[in-house]
Amino acid sequence: MGESPDDTMIAVAETVSNALETPIEELPPLSESIDVDALDEVVPSDQSRNVTVTFTYAGVSVFVHSGNVVAVRPVADGSD
């Protein structure tokens, strides 16, 4: 059997937490940035389909790819 739907949310929270060096408990609720149920429906927890979803969360761009592959990068704020 595949991974549970919560695995995607955990992967996002851990990746953002590590990138920002902020405890998970101090991050805003993920549901304020994306419909977590829809994310689970769209992005498969395995590699059966090639899907990537991008959204902004806690000041970073989050990329969630099939198989619960998560990457983040800073959001450019446009100020110099």
C-alpha atoms as a PDB file:
ATOM      1  CA  MET A   1       0.000   0.000   0.000  1.00  0.00           C
ATOM      2  CA  GLY A   2       1.162   3.592  -0.643  1.00  0.00           C
ATOM      3  CA  GLU A   3       1.934   6.363   1.760  1.00  0.00           C
ATOM      4  CA  SER A   4      -0.824   8.001   3.783  1.00  0.00           C
ATOM      5  CA  PRO A   5      -2.215  11.360   2.598  1.00  0.00           C
ATOM      6  CA  ASP A   6      -0.715  13.057   5.656  1.00  0.00           C
ATOM      7  CA  ASP A   7       2.768  12.135   4.410  1.00  0.00           C
ATOM      8  CA  THR A   8       2.635  14.948   1.850  1.00  0.00           C
ATOM      9  CA  MET A   9       1.710  17.513   4.504  1.00  0.00           C
ATOM     10  CA  ILE A  10       4.447  16.233   6.807  1.00  0.00           C
ATOM     11  CA  ALA A  11       7.002  16.357   3.980  1.00  0.00           C
ATOM     12  CA  VAL A  12       6.030  19.973   3.201  1.00  0.00           C
ATOM     13  CA  ALA A  13       6.160  21.047   6.860  1.00  0.00           C
ATOM     14  CA  GLU A  14       9.521  19.362   7.493  1.00  0.00           C
ATOM     15  CA  THR A  15      11.099  20.731   4.317  1.00  0.00           C
ATOM     16  CA  VAL A  16       9.933  24.301   4.998  1.00  0.00           C
ATOM     17  CA  SER A  17      10.912  24.013   8.657  1.00  0.00           C
ATOM     18  CA  ASN A  18      14.420  22.901   7.711  1.00  0.00           C
ATOM     19  CA  ALA A  19      14.810  25.560   5.020  1.00  0.00           C
ATOM     20  CA  LEU A  20      13.720  28.357   7.346  1.00  0.00           C
ATOM     21  CA  GLU A  21      15.421  26.871  10.414  1.00  0.00           C
ATOM     22  CA  THR A  22      12.099  27.305  12.214  1.00  0.00           C
ATOM     23  CA  PRO A  23      10.346  24.685  14.347  1.00  0.00           C
ATOM     24  CA  ILE A  24       7.306  23.176  12.640  1.00  0.00           C
ATOM     25  CA  GLU A  25       5.145  24.349  15.541  1.00  0.00           C
ATOM     26  CA  GLU A  26       6.001  27.974  14.695  1.00  0.00           C
ATOM     27  CA  LEU A  27       4.944  27.723  11.039  1.00  0.00           C
ATOM     28  CA  PRO A  28       1.489  28.946  10.044  1.00  0.00           C
ATOM     29  CA  PRO A  29      -1.135  26.281   9.330  1.00  0.00           C
ATOM     30  CA  LEU A  30      -0.542  24.816   5.883  1.00  0.00           C
ATOM     31  CA  SER A  31      -4.278  25.032   5.203  1.00  0.00           C
ATOM     32  CA  GLU A  32      -3.973  28.845   5.122  1.00  0.00           C
ATOM     33  CA  SER A  33      -1.869  28.544   1.954  1.00  0.00           C
ATOM     34  CA  ILE A  34      -3.378  25.602   0.077  1.00  0.00           C
ATOM     35  CA  ASP A  35      -6.360  23.275   0.168  1.00  0.00           C
ATOM     36  CA  VAL A  36      -4.576  20.265   1.664  1.00  0.00           C
ATOM     37  CA  ASP A  37      -7.297  17.819   0.613  1.00  0.00           C
ATOM     38  CA  ALA A  38      -7.016  18.988  -2.992  1.00  0.00           C
ATOM     39  CA  LEU A  39      -3.228  18.716  -2.858  1.00  0.00           C
ATOM     40  CA  ASP A  40      -3.554  15.082  -1.757  1.00  0.00           C
ATOM     41  CA  GLU A  41      -5.996  14.422  -4.590  1.00  0.00           C
ATOM     42  CA  VAL A  42      -3.838  16.016  -7.289  1.00  0.00           C
ATOM     43  CA  VAL A  43      -0.320  14.898  -6.367  1.00  0.00           C
ATOM     44  CA  PRO A  44       0.080  11.117  -6.178  1.00  0.00           C
ATOM     45  CA  SER A  45       2.220   9.737  -3.353  1.00  0.00           C
ATOM     46  CA  ASP A  46       3.914   7.471  -5.903  1.00  0.00           C
ATOM     47  CA  GLN A  47       5.409   8.107  -9.346  1.00  0.00           C
ATOM     48  CA  SER A  48       2.309   6.833 -11.226  1.00  0.00           C
ATOM     49  CA  ARG A  49       1.730  10.313 -12.709  1.00  0.00           C
ATOM     50  CA  ASN A  50       4.162  13.169 -13.245  1.00  0.00           C
ATOM     51  CA  VAL A  51       2.567  16.059 -11.312  1.00  0.00           C
ATOM     52  CA  THR A  52       4.076  19.131  -9.670  1.00  0.00           C
ATOM     53  CA  VAL A  53       2.127  21.697  -7.647  1.00  0.00           C
ATOM     54  CA  THR A  54       3.674  25.037  -6.686  1.00  0.00           C
ATOM     55  CA  PHE A  55       2.388  27.392  -3.999  1.00  0.00           C
ATOM     56  CA  THR A  56       3.663  29.980  -1.522  1.00  0.00           C
ATOM     57  CA  TYR A  57       3.834  29.042   2.156  1.00  0.00           C
ATOM     58  CA  ALA A  58       5.588  30.787   5.056  1.00  0.00           C
ATOM     59  CA  GLY A  59       7.458  33.101   2.700  1.00  0.00           C
ATOM     60  CA  VAL A  60       8.877  30.420   0.392  1.00  0.00           C
ATOM     61  CA  SER A  61       7.818  28.860  -2.882  1.00  0.00           C
ATOM     62  CA  VAL A  62       6.983  25.205  -2.305  1.00  0.00           C
ATOM     63  CA  PHE A  63       7.167  22.610  -5.083  1.00  0.00           C
ATOM     64  CA  VAL A  64       5.438  19.286  -4.383  1.00  0.00           C
ATOM     65  CA  HIS A  65       6.138  16.599  -6.963  1.00  0.00           C
ATOM     66  CA  SER A  66       4.787  13.090  -7.367  1.00  0.00           C
ATOM     67  CA  GLY A  67       6.215  10.687  -4.803  1.00  0.00           C
ATOM     68  CA  ASN A  68       6.163  13.309  -2.031  1.00  0.00           C
ATOM     69  CA  VAL A  69       9.261  15.040  -3.377  1.00  0.00           C
ATOM     70  CA  VAL A  70       9.262  18.536  -1.876  1.00  0.00           C
ATOM     71  CA  ALA A  71      11.575  21.458  -2.655  1.00  0.00           C
ATOM     72  CA  VAL A  72      11.499  25.078  -1.521  1.00  0.00           C
ATOM     73  CA  ARG A  73      13.110  28.345  -2.576  1.00  0.00           C
ATOM     74  CA  PRO A  74      12.809  31.904  -1.323  1.00  0.00           C
ATOM     75  CA  VAL A  75      10.100  34.062  -2.813  1.00  0.00           C
ATOM     76  CA  ALA A  76      11.545  37.081  -4.573  1.00  0.00           C
ATOM     77  CA  ASP A  77      10.040  40.139  -2.913  1.00  0.00           C
ATOM     78  CA  GLY A  78      11.128  42.572  -5.616  1.00  0.00           C
ATOM     79  CA  SER A  79      12.902  44.948  -3.226  1.00  0.00           C
ATOM     80  CA  ASP A  80      16.581  45.746  -3.578  1.00  0.00           C
END
